[in-house]
Amino acid sequence: MFAKAGNFLREVSVELKKVAWPTKDELFGSTVVVVISVAIIATYIGICDFIFSKAIHLIIK
């Protein structure tokens, strides 16, 4: 069992050396895109939620 675990960790190490890691600028750019996208989607969902809750409140009341 320990031999299999050791073999697995060696294979993981070999595969991680093959990974093309992003540069600092690429990582920063991707992070900015994700944060802006999340903010836009959250705002849209918040506005829709507000409108629907007001409409339902008017219907029920």
PDB file of N, CA and C in Angstrom:
ATOM      1  N   MET A   1       0.826  -1.194   0.000  1.00  0.00           N
ATOM      2  CA  MET A   1       0.000   0.000   0.000  1.00  0.00           C
ATOM      3  C   MET A   1       0.869   1.256   0.000  1.00  0.00           C
ATOM      4  N   PHE A   2       1.934   1.256   0.823  1.00  0.00           N
ATOM      5  CA  PHE A   2       2.811   2.424   0.873  1.00  0.00           C
ATOM      6  C   PHE A   2       3.597   2.573  -0.420  1.00  0.00           C
ATOM      7  N   ALA A   3       3.885   1.462  -1.077  1.00  0.00           N
ATOM      8  CA  ALA A   3       4.600   1.520  -2.357  1.00  0.00           C
ATOM      9  C   ALA A   3       3.723   2.196  -3.407  1.00  0.00           C
ATOM     10  N   LYS A   4       2.426   1.878  -3.389  1.00  0.00           N
ATOM     11  CA  LYS A   4       1.503   2.507  -4.345  1.00  0.00           C
ATOM     12  C   LYS A   4       1.394   4.009  -4.081  1.00  0.00           C
ATOM     13  N   ALA A   5       1.356   4.378  -2.796  1.00  0.00           N
ATOM     14  CA  ALA A   5       1.252   5.794  -2.444  1.00  0.00           C
ATOM     15  C   ALA A   5       2.518   6.535  -2.879  1.00  0.00           C
ATOM     16  N   GLY A   6       3.675   5.925  -2.660  1.00  0.00           N
ATOM     17  CA  GLY A   6       4.936   6.548  -3.075  1.00  0.00           C
ATOM     18  C   GLY A   6       5.012   6.690  -4.580  1.00  0.00           C
ATOM     19  N   ASN A   7       4.568   5.661  -5.303  1.00  0.00           N
ATOM     20  CA  ASN A   7       4.549   5.712  -6.761  1.00  0.00           C
ATOM     21  C   ASN A   7       3.609   6.812  -7.255  1.00  0.00           C
ATOM     22  N   PHE A   8       2.452   6.912  -6.620  1.00  0.00           N
ATOM     23  CA  PHE A   8       1.490   7.954  -6.981  1.00  0.00           C
ATOM     24  C   PHE A   8       2.103   9.343  -6.791  1.00  0.00           C
ATOM     25  N   LEU A   9       2.758   9.579  -5.657  1.00  0.00           N
ATOM     26  CA  LEU A   9       3.353  10.893  -5.393  1.00  0.00           C
ATOM     27  C   LEU A   9       4.471  11.208  -6.377  1.00  0.00           C
ATOM     28  N   ARG A  10       5.258  10.210  -6.789  1.00  0.00           N
ATOM     29  CA  ARG A  10       6.298  10.432  -7.795  1.00  0.00           C
ATOM     30  C   ARG A  10       5.671  10.819  -9.133  1.00  0.00           C
ATOM     31  N   GLU A  11       4.591  10.141  -9.505  1.00  0.00           N
ATOM     32  CA  GLU A  11       3.909  10.455 -10.760  1.00  0.00           C
ATOM     33  C   GLU A  11       3.297  11.856 -10.721  1.00  0.00           C
ATOM     34  N   VAL A  12       2.757  12.228  -9.579  1.00  0.00           N
ATOM     35  CA  VAL A  12       2.200  13.574  -9.423  1.00  0.00           C
ATOM     36  C   VAL A  12       3.301  14.618  -9.595  1.00  0.00           C
ATOM     37  N   SER A  13       4.444  14.372  -8.998  1.00  0.00           N
ATOM     38  CA  SER A  13       5.573  15.298  -9.115  1.00  0.00           C
ATOM     39  C   SER A  13       5.997  15.452 -10.576  1.00  0.00           C
ATOM     40  N   VAL A  14       6.060  14.344 -11.319  1.00  0.00           N
ATOM     41  CA  VAL A  14       6.441  14.397 -12.731  1.00  0.00           C
ATOM     42  C   VAL A  14       5.415  15.198 -13.525  1.00  0.00           C
ATOM     43  N   GLU A  15       4.130  14.980 -13.271  1.00  0.00           N
ATOM     44  CA  GLU A  15       3.080  15.692 -14.010  1.00  0.00           C
ATOM     45  C   GLU A  15       3.071  17.182 -13.692  1.00  0.00           C
ATOM     46  N   LEU A  16       3.340  17.538 -12.429  1.00  0.00           N
ATOM     47  CA  LEU A  16       3.353  18.953 -12.053  1.00  0.00           C
ATOM     48  C   LEU A  16       4.493  19.708 -12.728  1.00  0.00           C
ATOM     49  N   LYS A  17       5.568  19.014 -13.056  1.00  0.00           N
ATOM     50  CA  LYS A  17       6.672  19.666 -13.769  1.00  0.00           C
ATOM     51  C   LYS A  17       6.289  19.973 -15.211  1.00  0.00           C
ATOM     52  N   LYS A  18       5.281  19.283 -15.746  1.00  0.00           N
ATOM     53  CA  LYS A  18       4.838  19.499 -17.123  1.00  0.00           C
ATOM     54  C   LYS A  18       3.830  20.643 -17.251  1.00  0.00           C
ATOM     55  N   VAL A  19       3.306  21.110 -16.133  1.00  0.00           N
ATOM     56  CA  VAL A  19       2.259  22.135 -16.147  1.00  0.00           C
ATOM     57  C   VAL A  19       2.835  23.470 -16.600  1.00  0.00           C
ATOM     58  N   ALA A  20       2.104  24.148 -17.469  1.00  0.00           N
ATOM     59  CA  ALA A  20       2.487  25.493 -17.903  1.00  0.00           C
ATOM     60  C   ALA A  20       1.825  26.490 -16.952  1.00  0.00           C
ATOM     61  N   TRP A  21       2.549  26.906 -15.934  1.00  0.00           N
ATOM     62  CA  TRP A  21       2.002  27.801 -14.934  1.00  0.00           C
ATOM     63  C   TRP A  21       1.864  29.209 -15.518  1.00  0.00           C
ATOM     64  N   PRO A  22       0.788  29.938 -15.155  1.00  0.00           N
ATOM     65  CA  PRO A  22       0.604  31.293 -15.695  1.00  0.00           C
ATOM     66  C   PRO A  22       1.611  32.268 -15.081  1.00  0.00           C
ATOM     67  N   THR A  23       1.899  33.306 -15.846  1.00  0.00           N
ATOM     68  CA  THR A  23       2.771  34.361 -15.320  1.00  0.00           C
ATOM     69  C   THR A  23       1.963  35.226 -14.351  1.00  0.00           C
ATOM     70  N   LYS A  24       2.668  36.081 -13.646  1.00  0.00           N
ATOM     71  CA  LYS A  24       1.996  36.946 -12.678  1.00  0.00           C
ATOM     72  C   LYS A  24       0.989  37.864 -13.379  1.00  0.00           C
ATOM     73  N   ASP A  25       1.352  38.377 -14.553  1.00  0.00           N
ATOM     74  CA  ASP A  25       0.449  39.267 -15.300  1.00  0.00           C
ATOM     75  C   ASP A  25      -0.789  38.517 -15.796  1.00  0.00           C
ATOM     76  N   GLU A  26      -0.608  37.297 -16.295  1.00  0.00           N
ATOM     77  CA  GLU A  26      -1.750  36.498 -16.753  1.00  0.00           C
ATOM     78  C   GLU A  26      -2.689  36.178 -15.598  1.00  0.00           C
ATOM     79  N   LEU A  27      -2.112  35.833 -14.461  1.00  0.00           N
ATOM     80  CA  LEU A  27      -2.914  35.512 -13.280  1.00  0.00           C
ATOM     81  C   LEU A  27      -3.697  36.730 -12.807  1.00  0.00           C
ATOM     82  N   PHE A  28      -3.048  37.887 -12.796  1.00  0.00           N
ATOM     83  CA  PHE A  28      -3.720  39.117 -12.385  1.00  0.00           C
ATOM     84  C   PHE A  28      -4.857  39.454 -13.342  1.00  0.00           C
ATOM     85  N   GLY A  29      -4.597  39.346 -14.646  1.00  0.00           N
ATOM     86  CA  GLY A  29      -5.637  39.632 -15.637  1.00  0.00           C
ATOM     87  C   GLY A  29      -6.829  38.705 -15.503  1.00  0.00           C
ATOM     88  N   SER A  30      -6.570  37.427 -15.304  1.00  0.00           N
ATOM     89  CA  SER A  30      -7.663  36.459 -15.137  1.00  0.00           C
ATOM     90  C   SER A  30      -8.460  36.751 -13.866  1.00  0.00           C
ATOM     91  N   THR A  31      -7.759  37.123 -12.812  1.00  0.00           N
ATOM     92  CA  THR A  31      -8.432  37.432 -11.552  1.00  0.00           C
ATOM     93  C   THR A  31      -9.339  38.645 -11.706  1.00  0.00           C
ATOM     94  N   VAL A  32      -8.876  39.659 -12.406  1.00  0.00           N
ATOM     95  CA  VAL A  32      -9.688  40.861 -12.632  1.00  0.00           C
ATOM     96  C   VAL A  32     -10.945  40.506 -13.424  1.00  0.00           C
ATOM     97  N   VAL A  33     -10.791  39.684 -14.461  1.00  0.00           N
ATOM     98  CA  VAL A  33     -11.945  39.282 -15.268  1.00  0.00           C
ATOM     99  C   VAL A  33     -12.957  38.539 -14.414  1.00  0.00           C
ATOM    100  N   VAL A  34     -12.495  37.626 -13.571  1.00  0.00           N
ATOM    101  CA  VAL A  34     -13.400  36.846 -12.727  1.00  0.00           C
ATOM    102  C   VAL A  34     -14.120  37.743 -11.722  1.00  0.00           C
ATOM    103  N   VAL A  35     -13.394  38.638 -11.074  1.00  0.00           N
ATOM    104  CA  VAL A  35     -14.005  39.515 -10.067  1.00  0.00           C
ATOM    105  C   VAL A  35     -15.047  40.431 -10.706  1.00  0.00           C
ATOM    106  N   ILE A  36     -14.735  41.001 -11.859  1.00  0.00           N
ATOM    107  CA  ILE A  36     -15.691  41.878 -12.537  1.00  0.00           C
ATOM    108  C   ILE A  36     -16.917  41.088 -12.997  1.00  0.00           C
ATOM    109  N   SER A  37     -16.700  39.889 -13.540  1.00  0.00           N
ATOM    110  CA  SER A  37     -17.820  39.046 -13.980  1.00  0.00           C
ATOM    111  C   SER A  37     -18.739  38.695 -12.811  1.00  0.00           C
ATOM    112  N   VAL A  38     -18.145  38.324 -11.695  1.00  0.00           N
ATOM    113  CA  VAL A  38     -18.943  37.973 -10.512  1.00  0.00           C
ATOM    114  C   VAL A  38     -19.730  39.191 -10.021  1.00  0.00           C
ATOM    115  N   ALA A  39     -19.109  40.359 -10.025  1.00  0.00           N
ATOM    116  CA  ALA A  39     -19.801  41.575  -9.578  1.00  0.00           C
ATOM    117  C   ALA A  39     -20.980  41.903 -10.486  1.00  0.00           C
ATOM    118  N   ILE A  40     -20.792  41.768 -11.803  1.00  0.00           N
ATOM    119  CA  ILE A  40     -21.877  42.057 -12.743  1.00  0.00           C
ATOM    120  C   ILE A  40     -23.020  41.075 -12.567  1.00  0.00           C
ATOM    121  N   ILE A  41     -22.706  39.794 -12.471  1.00  0.00           N
ATOM    122  CA  ILE A  41     -23.753  38.772 -12.318  1.00  0.00           C
ATOM    123  C   ILE A  41     -24.470  38.931 -10.982  1.00  0.00           C
ATOM    124  N   ALA A  42     -23.726  39.226  -9.915  1.00  0.00           N
ATOM    125  CA  ALA A  42     -24.346  39.420  -8.604  1.00  0.00           C
ATOM    126  C   ALA A  42     -25.278  40.628  -8.612  1.00  0.00           C
ATOM    127  N   THR A  43     -24.871  41.694  -9.283  1.00  0.00           N
ATOM    128  CA  THR A  43     -25.724  42.877  -9.385  1.00  0.00           C
ATOM    129  C   THR A  43     -26.997  42.566 -10.151  1.00  0.00           C
ATOM    130  N   TYR A  44     -26.865  41.858 -11.265  1.00  0.00           N
ATOM    131  CA  TYR A  44     -28.032  41.475 -12.070  1.00  0.00           C
ATOM    132  C   TYR A  44     -29.000  40.616 -11.254  1.00  0.00           C
ATOM    133  N   ILE A  45     -28.478  39.619 -10.563  1.00  0.00           N
ATOM    134  CA  ILE A  45     -29.339  38.743  -9.755  1.00  0.00           C
ATOM    135  C   ILE A  45     -29.980  39.530  -8.618  1.00  0.00           C
ATOM    136  N   GLY A  46     -29.232  40.443  -8.015  1.00  0.00           N
ATOM    137  CA  GLY A  46     -29.789  41.267  -6.939  1.00  0.00           C
ATOM    138  C   GLY A  46     -30.917  42.154  -7.420  1.00  0.00           C
ATOM    139  N   ILE A  47     -30.755  42.754  -8.583  1.00  0.00           N
ATOM    140  CA  ILE A  47     -31.809  43.602  -9.151  1.00  0.00           C
ATOM    141  C   ILE A  47     -33.046  42.772  -9.490  1.00  0.00           C
ATOM    142  N   CYS A  48     -32.833  41.612 -10.119  1.00  0.00           N
ATOM    143  CA  CYS A  48     -33.968  40.730 -10.443  1.00  0.00           C
ATOM    144  C   CYS A  48     -34.691  40.290  -9.180  1.00  0.00           C
ATOM    145  N   ASP A  49     -33.949  39.932  -8.151  1.00  0.00           N
ATOM    146  CA  ASP A  49     -34.546  39.515  -6.887  1.00  0.00           C
ATOM    147  C   ASP A  49     -35.369  40.645  -6.280  1.00  0.00           C
ATOM    148  N   PHE A  50     -34.836  41.857  -6.308  1.00  0.00           N
ATOM    149  CA  PHE A  50     -35.553  42.999  -5.757  1.00  0.00           C
ATOM    150  C   PHE A  50     -36.860  43.239  -6.517  1.00  0.00           C
ATOM    151  N   ILE A  51     -36.799  43.204  -7.848  1.00  0.00           N
ATOM    152  CA  ILE A  51     -37.985  43.440  -8.674  1.00  0.00           C
ATOM    153  C   ILE A  51     -39.036  42.354  -8.427  1.00  0.00           C
ATOM    154  N   PHE A  52     -38.605  41.092  -8.434  1.00  0.00           N
ATOM    155  CA  PHE A  52     -39.561  39.996  -8.229  1.00  0.00           C
ATOM    156  C   PHE A  52     -40.164  40.022  -6.831  1.00  0.00           C
ATOM    157  N   SER A  53     -39.354  40.346  -5.823  1.00  0.00           N
ATOM    158  CA  SER A  53     -39.903  40.391  -4.472  1.00  0.00           C
ATOM    159  C   SER A  53     -40.905  41.535  -4.319  1.00  0.00           C
ATOM    160  N   LYS A  54     -40.643  42.683  -4.950  1.00  0.00           N
ATOM    161  CA  LYS A  54     -41.609  43.793  -4.905  1.00  0.00           C
ATOM    162  C   LYS A  54     -42.893  43.423  -5.652  1.00  0.00           C
ATOM    163  N   ALA A  55     -42.754  42.749  -6.810  1.00  0.00           N
ATOM    164  CA  ALA A  55     -43.936  42.342  -7.568  1.00  0.00           C
ATOM    165  C   ALA A  55     -44.777  41.334  -6.776  1.00  0.00           C
ATOM    166  N   ILE A  56     -44.147  40.379  -6.153  1.00  0.00           N
ATOM    167  CA  ILE A  56     -44.874  39.388  -5.351  1.00  0.00           C
ATOM    168  C   ILE A  56     -45.512  40.054  -4.144  1.00  0.00           C
ATOM    169  N   HIS A  57     -44.806  41.013  -3.541  1.00  0.00           N
ATOM    170  CA  HIS A  57     -45.370  41.735  -2.396  1.00  0.00           C
ATOM    171  C   HIS A  57     -46.623  42.515  -2.820  1.00  0.00           C
ATOM    172  N   LEU A  58     -46.611  43.108  -4.006  1.00  0.00           N
ATOM    173  CA  LEU A  58     -47.783  43.833  -4.493  1.00  0.00           C
ATOM    174  C   LEU A  58     -48.945  42.886  -4.791  1.00  0.00           C
ATOM    175  N   ILE A  59     -48.635  41.708  -5.305  1.00  0.00           N
ATOM    176  CA  ILE A  59     -49.683  40.729  -5.621  1.00  0.00           C
ATOM    177  C   ILE A  59     -50.316  40.177  -4.355  1.00  0.00           C
ATOM    178  N   ILE A  60     -49.501  39.866  -3.368  1.00  0.00           N
ATOM    179  CA  ILE A  60     -50.010  39.268  -2.124  1.00  0.00           C
ATOM    180  C   ILE A  60     -50.738  40.302  -1.279  1.00  0.00           C
ATOM    181  N   LYS A  61     -50.262  41.507  -1.238  1.00  0.00           N
ATOM    182  CA  LYS A  61     -50.846  42.531  -0.383  1.00  0.00           C
ATOM    183  C   LYS A  61     -52.110  43.090  -0.908  1.00  0.00           C
TER     184      LYS A  61
END
